[in-house]
Amino acid sequence: MKREPMPQPFVLNLSTPAAPPQHKRRWRKPAAALLVLLLAGGGWAYMQAGAKPATAAAAANDKPKAPVYELAAGDVATIGARALSIKLPLSGSLMPLTQATVKAKVSGVVLETTVQEGMIVAAGQVIARLDGAELRARAAQQQAALDEASARLALAKKNNLNSEALLRQNYISRSAYDTTQNSVELAVASVAAAQAQLDMARIALADTTLRAPLAGVVSKRYVQAGEKLAPDMPVMAIVNLSQLTLEAQVPASEIPRIRVGQDVQFKVDGFDQRAFLGKVARINPTTEAGSRAMLVYISVNNADGALRGGMFAKGQITTEKNAPRPLLPMAALRKDGTQDVVYRVENGSIKSQPVKLGVRNEDEALVEVLDGLAPGAIVLAAPLDGVKPGSKVKLLAAPVAKG
């Protein structure tokens, strides 16, 4: 039997001639190491160069900055200018300047009343009538007495003329003539007395018609038709509301500040949105009993008739009024030693500004600035923690105007 030949195995030849020469291996390793070192050094230098500005920026950011304070509209105020008034509070009641109570002058029964409470009457207008039958009869009686006295006077004058003629002829004595002359004089006196009685009767009869003594408004009607009146009984009360007087009590210690002619402004319940004006007319020279107050009488013009007698009023007397000047809120004032200063907002920062002050109004919390500030300046309206001269500020809204 024929045998197949066996296959030959594959043998890799690793003999010395196939390997690279030794001198080439010798320089490749140092070159590679040098390249690695160069690359490492360049990276380190680059990293160091980039780290320097980053470190400087970080150091700059770490430095503390000055805070900027934000100011709301209520934290600051804009200085305005106007006249500052000093006022004294007062209160009192309003009374009509002129008023009258119409009373009966004669006795009689009321026939009618022509007006009622609240009605406007004119001066001389009839407001009531009384029964005048009895007074008319009395007037007629006095007229008859006057006629009788006049007739006696005429007879006495005639007898006197006859006596005068007889005296010239010496038929009667002088004493007889004087007697007739005296009769004439007595008759003249009787006529005058009768005329006076008649005038009085006529006046009494006219008094049965009651008329308004002044123009105004009927405030009270005391009688009704059918009532019997006696002399001096009240019939109607009439007030004139065109001019009122505010009677206000003022402490005696404040009286030196009050002078005739000073302006008064007041309000009345029911007229909350309306302010009424008046002027000081008179000052009572004595204090009220049981108090240390004095009455001040204030004249009030009430042409539209809005006010009524007896209303309670509260207001103020302007005791002093200066020329228009800058006005500063008192809350904005500060002290720098003995000097009055304010903190002024200018170009986004706070500055201390000395000021010279004038009149103060405690009620309005304002003070007059004589020197140091002009209208339009912006100041801190109240103390704020941490805000001082040199502080940076920012306005969040327009400041509120003061003054």
Protein backbone atom coordinates (compact mmCIF):
# COMPACT_ATOMS: atom_id res chain seq x y z
CA MET A 1 0.00 0.00 0.00
CA LYS A 2 1.25 3.40 -1.07
CA ARG A 3 1.64 6.10 1.71
CA GLU A 4 0.82 9.83 1.24
CA PRO A 5 3.59 12.29 2.14
CA MET A 6 3.13 14.18 5.42
CA PRO A 7 2.52 18.07 5.20
CA GLN A 8 5.37 20.30 6.35
CA PRO A 9 4.63 22.67 9.35
CA PHE A 10 4.87 26.48 8.94
CA VAL A 11 7.93 27.93 10.70
CA LEU A 12 8.41 31.67 11.38
CA ASN A 13 11.96 32.76 10.80
CA LEU A 14 13.18 34.87 13.70
CA SER A 15 16.67 34.95 12.73
CA THR A 16 18.98 37.88 13.46
CA PRO A 17 19.08 39.36 9.98
CA ALA A 18 15.28 40.26 10.13
CA ALA A 19 15.66 42.48 13.31
CA PRO A 20 16.44 46.29 12.98
CA PRO A 21 19.91 47.48 13.64
CA GLN A 22 20.82 48.28 17.32
CA HIS A 23 21.94 51.91 16.71
CA LYS A 24 18.48 52.91 15.53
CA ARG A 25 16.79 51.67 18.75
CA ARG A 26 19.31 53.57 20.79
CA TRP A 27 18.23 57.18 19.75
CA ARG A 28 14.43 56.59 19.47
CA LYS A 29 13.82 56.21 23.24
CA PRO A 30 15.62 59.42 24.30
CA ALA A 31 13.83 61.36 21.58
CA ALA A 32 10.46 60.15 22.73
CA ALA A 33 11.28 61.02 26.33
CA LEU A 34 12.42 64.48 25.31
CA LEU A 35 9.22 65.05 23.36
CA VAL A 36 7.14 64.08 26.37
CA LEU A 37 9.06 66.49 28.59
CA LEU A 38 8.67 69.35 26.13
CA LEU A 39 4.96 68.81 25.85
CA ALA A 40 4.56 68.65 29.62
CA GLY A 41 6.57 71.84 30.12
CA GLY A 42 4.57 73.76 27.52
CA GLY A 43 1.31 72.69 29.08
CA TRP A 44 2.49 73.72 32.51
CA ALA A 45 3.64 77.12 31.20
CA TYR A 46 0.34 77.61 29.42
CA MET A 47 -1.62 76.70 32.49
CA GLN A 48 0.45 79.08 34.62
CA ALA A 49 -0.09 81.93 32.16
CA GLY A 50 -3.88 81.38 32.19
CA ALA A 51 -4.00 81.07 35.94
CA LYS A 52 -2.55 84.56 36.58
CA PRO A 53 -5.43 86.67 35.07
CA ALA A 54 -7.99 84.30 36.55
CA THR A 55 -6.42 84.76 39.98
CA ALA A 56 -6.37 88.55 39.51
CA ALA A 57 -10.05 88.60 38.49
CA ALA A 58 -11.00 86.44 41.45
CA ALA A 59 -9.10 88.78 43.75
CA ALA A 60 -10.88 91.78 42.25
CA ASN A 61 -14.26 90.12 42.71
CA ASP A 62 -13.48 89.28 46.32
CA LYS A 63 -12.91 93.02 47.14
CA PRO A 64 -16.06 94.41 49.05
CA LYS A 65 -18.17 97.00 47.16
CA ALA A 66 -20.07 99.95 48.74
CA PRO A 67 -23.81 99.09 49.10
CA VAL A 68 -26.41 101.04 47.17
CA TYR A 69 -29.51 101.80 49.27
CA GLU A 70 -32.86 101.74 47.51
CA LEU A 71 -35.17 104.54 48.66
CA ALA A 72 -38.94 104.30 48.37
CA ALA A 73 -41.17 107.29 47.66
CA GLY A 74 -41.96 107.70 51.36
CA ASP A 75 -38.28 107.73 52.38
CA VAL A 76 -37.55 111.02 50.60
CA ALA A 77 -39.32 114.32 50.09
CA THR A 78 -39.13 117.12 47.56
CA ILE A 79 -38.90 120.55 49.15
CA GLY A 80 -41.77 122.89 48.25
CA ALA A 81 -42.35 126.55 49.05
CA ARG A 82 -45.40 128.36 50.40
CA ALA A 83 -46.45 130.62 53.25
CA LEU A 84 -46.33 128.84 56.59
CA SER A 85 -49.19 129.68 58.94
CA ILE A 86 -49.29 129.29 62.70
CA LYS A 87 -52.76 128.35 63.84
CA LEU A 88 -54.63 128.05 67.13
CA PRO A 89 -57.45 125.47 67.41
CA LEU A 90 -60.86 126.57 68.64
CA SER A 91 -64.45 125.38 68.83
CA GLY A 92 -67.79 126.93 69.60
CA SER A 93 -71.38 127.51 68.52
CA LEU A 94 -72.76 129.60 65.70
CA MET A 95 -75.29 132.27 66.65
CA PRO A 96 -77.24 134.68 64.42
CA LEU A 97 -75.83 138.18 64.53
CA THR A 98 -79.32 139.71 64.50
CA GLN A 99 -82.46 138.06 65.86
CA ALA A 100 -85.69 139.22 67.43
CA THR A 101 -88.58 137.85 69.40
CA VAL A 102 -91.82 139.53 68.39
CA LYS A 103 -94.07 140.16 71.42
CA ALA A 104 -97.61 141.35 71.76
CA LYS A 105 -97.95 145.03 72.68
CA VAL A 106 -101.66 144.88 73.42
CA SER A 107 -103.98 142.23 74.75
CA GLY A 108 -106.32 140.41 72.43
CA VAL A 109 -107.32 137.15 70.87
CA VAL A 110 -105.17 135.83 68.01
CA LEU A 111 -107.20 135.83 64.83
CA GLU A 112 -104.53 134.30 62.60
CA THR A 113 -100.81 133.65 62.16
CA THR A 114 -99.59 134.03 58.60
CA VAL A 115 -96.19 132.32 58.89
CA GLN A 116 -94.71 129.16 60.40
CA GLU A 117 -91.29 127.92 61.49
CA GLY A 118 -88.73 127.86 58.72
CA MET A 119 -90.51 130.39 56.53
CA ILE A 120 -88.60 133.38 55.19
CA VAL A 121 -90.10 136.76 56.03
CA ALA A 122 -89.32 140.29 54.87
CA ALA A 123 -89.00 143.29 57.12
CA GLY A 124 -92.50 144.74 57.77
CA GLN A 125 -94.33 141.61 56.64
CA VAL A 126 -97.52 140.74 58.58
CA ILE A 127 -96.97 137.67 60.70
CA ALA A 128 -100.09 137.66 62.95
CA ARG A 129 -103.35 139.55 63.64
CA LEU A 130 -105.24 140.09 66.88
CA ASP A 131 -108.91 140.88 67.42
CA GLY A 132 -109.05 144.70 67.56
CA ALA A 133 -112.79 145.25 68.09
CA GLU A 134 -112.34 146.62 71.57
CA LEU A 135 -109.50 148.89 70.52
CA ARG A 136 -111.51 150.20 67.57
CA ALA A 137 -114.31 151.10 69.95
CA ARG A 138 -111.84 152.85 72.21
CA ALA A 139 -110.43 154.76 69.27
CA ALA A 140 -113.95 155.85 68.31
CA GLN A 141 -114.56 157.01 71.87
CA GLN A 142 -111.37 159.05 71.86
CA GLN A 143 -112.37 160.55 68.53
CA ALA A 144 -115.66 161.69 70.07
CA ALA A 145 -113.83 163.19 73.02
CA LEU A 146 -111.60 165.07 70.62
CA ASP A 147 -114.60 166.40 68.73
CA GLU A 148 -116.17 167.59 71.98
CA ALA A 149 -112.96 169.31 73.06
CA SER A 150 -112.69 170.97 69.68
CA ALA A 151 -116.26 172.31 69.98
CA ARG A 152 -115.53 173.73 73.42
CA LEU A 153 -112.43 175.38 72.06
CA ALA A 154 -114.43 177.01 69.30
CA LEU A 155 -116.99 178.36 71.81
CA ALA A 156 -114.25 179.64 74.10
CA LYS A 157 -112.58 181.47 71.21
CA LYS A 158 -115.90 183.09 70.24
CA ASN A 159 -116.57 184.24 73.81
CA ASN A 160 -113.04 185.60 74.00
CA LEU A 161 -113.58 187.71 70.88
CA ASN A 162 -116.77 189.17 72.33
CA SER A 163 -115.05 189.92 75.62
CA GLU A 164 -112.23 191.64 73.78
CA ALA A 165 -114.72 193.92 72.00
CA LEU A 166 -116.55 194.76 75.22
CA LEU A 167 -113.24 195.46 76.93
CA ARG A 168 -112.32 198.01 74.25
CA GLN A 169 -115.63 199.76 74.93
CA ASN A 170 -115.08 199.52 78.67
CA TYR A 171 -118.25 197.52 79.15
CA ILE A 172 -116.45 194.76 81.10
CA SER A 173 -113.55 194.75 83.47
CA ARG A 174 -110.13 193.48 82.71
CA SER A 175 -110.57 190.50 85.02
CA ALA A 176 -113.69 189.42 83.12
CA TYR A 177 -111.72 189.45 79.89
CA ASP A 178 -108.92 187.43 81.46
CA THR A 179 -111.45 184.82 82.48
CA THR A 180 -112.60 184.31 78.89
CA GLN A 181 -108.99 184.25 77.73
CA ASN A 182 -108.22 181.55 80.26
CA SER A 183 -111.18 179.51 79.01
CA VAL A 184 -109.65 179.49 75.55
CA GLU A 185 -106.34 178.23 76.87
CA LEU A 186 -108.07 175.45 78.84
CA ALA A 187 -110.01 174.42 75.76
CA VAL A 188 -106.79 174.23 73.71
CA ALA A 189 -105.24 171.97 76.33
CA SER A 190 -108.32 169.76 76.33
CA VAL A 191 -108.12 169.37 72.58
CA ALA A 192 -104.44 168.41 72.78
CA ALA A 193 -105.16 165.83 75.49
CA ALA A 194 -108.01 164.36 73.51
CA GLN A 195 -105.81 164.21 70.42
CA ALA A 196 -103.13 162.37 72.37
CA GLN A 197 -105.63 159.86 73.69
CA LEU A 198 -106.91 159.30 70.17
CA ASP A 199 -103.36 158.78 68.88
CA MET A 200 -102.71 156.22 71.61
CA ALA A 201 -105.94 154.41 70.76
CA ARG A 202 -104.99 154.34 67.11
CA ILE A 203 -101.49 153.03 67.92
CA ALA A 204 -102.99 150.29 70.07
CA LEU A 205 -105.36 149.40 67.26
CA ALA A 206 -102.41 149.25 64.81
CA ASP A 207 -100.56 146.98 67.24
CA THR A 208 -103.18 144.31 66.70
CA THR A 209 -101.38 143.65 63.40
CA LEU A 210 -97.97 142.16 64.16
CA ARG A 211 -95.18 142.67 61.62
CA ALA A 212 -91.66 141.25 61.25
CA PRO A 213 -89.11 143.76 62.59
CA LEU A 214 -86.37 142.38 60.35
CA ALA A 215 -85.84 140.14 57.35
CA GLY A 216 -85.00 136.58 58.24
CA VAL A 217 -86.39 133.16 58.98
CA VAL A 218 -89.07 132.26 61.53
CA SER A 219 -87.36 130.05 64.11
CA LYS A 220 -90.22 129.70 66.62
CA ARG A 221 -93.98 130.27 66.69
CA TYR A 222 -95.29 130.61 70.23
CA VAL A 223 -99.03 131.09 69.67
CA GLN A 224 -101.86 129.65 67.65
CA ALA A 225 -105.09 131.17 66.38
CA GLY A 226 -107.70 131.51 69.12
CA GLU A 227 -105.28 132.06 71.99
CA LYS A 228 -105.63 135.11 74.22
CA LEU A 229 -102.52 137.25 74.45
CA ALA A 230 -101.44 139.66 77.12
CA PRO A 231 -98.93 142.46 76.61
CA ASP A 232 -95.28 141.27 76.31
CA MET A 233 -96.21 137.68 75.52
CA PRO A 234 -93.92 136.19 72.77
CA VAL A 235 -95.53 135.55 69.43
CA MET A 236 -92.73 134.76 66.94
CA ALA A 237 -88.93 134.43 66.94
CA ILE A 238 -87.11 135.55 63.79
CA VAL A 239 -83.41 135.16 63.02
CA ASN A 240 -81.31 136.70 60.28
CA LEU A 241 -78.90 134.04 58.96
CA SER A 242 -77.02 136.21 56.47
CA GLN A 243 -74.50 137.10 59.18
CA LEU A 244 -73.54 134.69 61.97
CA THR A 245 -71.24 134.92 64.96
CA LEU A 246 -69.05 132.02 66.05
CA GLU A 247 -68.65 132.25 69.81
CA ALA A 248 -65.52 130.27 70.64
CA GLN A 249 -63.75 129.76 73.95
CA VAL A 250 -59.99 130.33 73.90
CA PRO A 251 -57.60 129.77 76.84
CA ALA A 252 -56.69 133.05 78.48
CA SER A 253 -52.99 132.23 78.00
CA GLU A 254 -53.48 132.29 74.21
CA ILE A 255 -55.39 135.59 74.08
CA PRO A 256 -52.21 137.67 73.48
CA ARG A 257 -51.82 135.88 70.13
CA ILE A 258 -55.32 136.84 68.97
CA ARG A 259 -56.13 140.14 67.29
CA VAL A 260 -59.21 141.59 65.62
CA GLY A 261 -59.20 140.88 61.89
CA GLN A 262 -57.35 137.54 62.00
CA ASP A 263 -58.59 134.85 59.62
CA VAL A 264 -60.52 131.85 60.91
CA GLN A 265 -61.24 128.61 59.10
CA PHE A 266 -63.68 126.06 60.51
CA LYS A 267 -65.82 123.06 59.65
CA VAL A 268 -69.30 122.01 60.73
CA ASP A 269 -70.76 118.53 61.08
CA GLY A 270 -72.65 117.64 57.95
CA PHE A 271 -70.32 119.70 55.73
CA ASP A 272 -67.23 117.47 55.99
CA GLN A 273 -65.78 118.53 52.65
CA ARG A 274 -66.48 122.25 53.00
CA ALA A 275 -64.42 124.76 54.95
CA PHE A 276 -66.04 128.00 56.10
CA LEU A 277 -64.25 131.29 56.66
CA GLY A 278 -64.59 134.06 59.20
CA LYS A 279 -62.71 136.90 60.88
CA VAL A 280 -62.17 137.77 64.51
CA ALA A 281 -64.61 140.61 65.28
CA ARG A 282 -64.45 141.04 69.07
CA ILE A 283 -62.69 139.65 72.14
CA ASN A 284 -64.46 139.47 75.48
CA PRO A 285 -62.43 141.29 78.14
CA THR A 286 -63.28 138.84 80.96
CA THR A 287 -62.96 135.10 81.42
CA GLU A 288 -65.97 132.83 81.56
CA ALA A 289 -67.26 131.91 85.02
CA GLY A 290 -65.78 128.64 86.26
CA SER A 291 -63.12 128.46 83.55
CA ARG A 292 -59.91 130.09 82.40
CA ALA A 293 -61.20 130.71 78.92
CA MET A 294 -62.31 133.87 77.16
CA LEU A 295 -64.92 134.25 74.46
CA VAL A 296 -63.79 135.28 71.02
CA TYR A 297 -66.49 136.46 68.62
CA ILE A 298 -65.90 135.57 64.97
CA SER A 299 -67.92 137.17 62.19
CA VAL A 300 -69.10 134.70 59.55
CA ASN A 301 -70.66 135.65 56.21
CA ASN A 302 -73.46 133.21 55.44
CA ALA A 303 -74.84 134.66 52.22
CA ASP A 304 -75.97 131.27 50.87
CA GLY A 305 -77.74 130.37 54.12
CA ALA A 306 -75.95 127.02 54.45
CA LEU A 307 -75.19 127.49 58.15
CA ARG A 308 -77.80 127.56 60.90
CA GLY A 309 -77.87 129.04 64.35
CA GLY A 310 -76.72 126.70 67.12
CA MET A 311 -74.44 124.56 64.92
CA PHE A 312 -71.20 123.39 66.54
CA ALA A 313 -68.05 124.38 64.71
CA LYS A 314 -64.39 123.35 65.04
CA GLY A 315 -61.60 125.27 63.39
CA GLN A 316 -58.40 127.30 63.68
CA ILE A 317 -57.38 130.92 64.01
CA THR A 318 -54.42 131.93 61.86
CA THR A 319 -52.35 133.84 64.42
CA GLU A 320 -49.26 134.23 62.22
CA LYS A 321 -48.59 133.99 58.48
CA ASN A 322 -45.18 134.52 56.86
CA ALA A 323 -43.99 135.09 53.32
CA PRO A 324 -43.61 132.01 51.07
CA ARG A 325 -40.37 130.10 51.85
CA PRO A 326 -39.09 126.50 51.48
CA LEU A 327 -40.71 124.15 53.96
CA LEU A 328 -39.00 121.10 55.44
CA PRO A 329 -40.59 118.09 57.20
CA MET A 330 -39.54 118.07 60.84
CA ALA A 331 -38.75 114.35 60.59
CA ALA A 332 -35.97 115.18 58.12
CA LEU A 333 -34.04 117.31 60.64
CA ARG A 334 -30.81 116.06 62.17
CA LYS A 335 -28.12 117.50 64.41
CA ASP A 336 -24.44 117.82 63.64
CA GLY A 337 -23.26 119.11 66.98
CA THR A 338 -25.26 122.28 67.45
CA GLN A 339 -25.89 122.75 63.72
CA ASP A 340 -29.22 121.76 62.14
CA VAL A 341 -28.60 119.63 59.04
CA VAL A 342 -30.53 117.52 56.56
CA TYR A 343 -29.40 114.62 54.41
CA ARG A 344 -29.72 115.71 50.82
CA VAL A 345 -29.94 113.30 47.87
CA GLU A 346 -27.74 114.54 45.05
CA ASN A 347 -26.28 112.61 42.08
CA GLY A 348 -27.08 109.27 43.64
CA SER A 349 -25.38 109.91 46.99
CA ILE A 350 -26.15 111.43 50.39
CA LYS A 351 -24.73 114.81 51.39
CA SER A 352 -25.05 116.60 54.71
CA GLN A 353 -26.58 120.06 54.20
CA PRO A 354 -26.60 122.67 57.02
CA VAL A 355 -29.83 124.69 57.22
CA LYS A 356 -31.07 127.79 59.01
CA LEU A 357 -34.60 127.36 60.35
CA GLY A 358 -37.46 129.76 61.00
CA VAL A 359 -41.05 129.32 62.16
CA ARG A 360 -42.26 125.85 63.11
CA ASN A 361 -45.78 124.50 62.67
CA GLU A 362 -46.23 121.56 65.00
CA ASP A 363 -49.68 120.71 63.62
CA GLU A 364 -48.41 120.28 60.05
CA ALA A 365 -44.98 119.00 61.19
CA LEU A 366 -43.26 121.53 58.93
CA VAL A 367 -40.50 124.05 59.58
CA GLU A 368 -39.56 127.11 57.57
CA VAL A 369 -36.10 127.08 55.95
CA LEU A 370 -34.48 130.51 55.91
CA ASP A 371 -31.21 129.40 54.30
CA GLY A 372 -29.57 126.21 52.99
CA LEU A 373 -32.27 124.65 50.82
CA ALA A 374 -34.12 125.73 47.70
CA PRO A 375 -37.46 124.47 46.37
CA GLY A 376 -37.05 121.25 44.43
CA ALA A 377 -34.27 119.78 46.59
CA ILE A 378 -34.66 116.11 47.57
CA VAL A 379 -33.95 115.15 51.18
CA LEU A 380 -34.33 112.08 53.36
CA ALA A 381 -37.73 112.40 55.01
CA ALA A 382 -36.90 110.13 57.96
CA PRO A 383 -33.86 108.51 59.61
CA LEU A 384 -32.76 105.27 57.87
CA ASP A 385 -30.37 102.75 59.40
CA GLY A 386 -26.98 102.77 57.70
CA VAL A 387 -27.69 105.72 55.42
CA LYS A 388 -25.24 108.52 56.11
CA PRO A 389 -23.29 111.17 54.19
CA GLY A 390 -21.41 109.48 51.33
CA SER A 391 -23.82 106.55 51.04
CA LYS A 392 -24.90 105.57 47.55
CA VAL A 393 -28.65 105.61 47.01
CA LYS A 394 -31.15 104.86 44.28
CA LEU A 395 -34.67 106.27 44.06
CA LEU A 396 -37.29 103.63 43.33
CA ALA A 397 -40.07 106.17 42.75
CA ALA A 398 -40.64 109.89 42.52
CA PRO A 399 -40.38 111.54 45.96
CA VAL A 400 -43.41 112.99 47.72
CA ALA A 401 -43.59 116.79 47.59
CA LYS A 402 -43.70 118.53 50.97
CA GLY A 403 -44.83 122.05 51.70
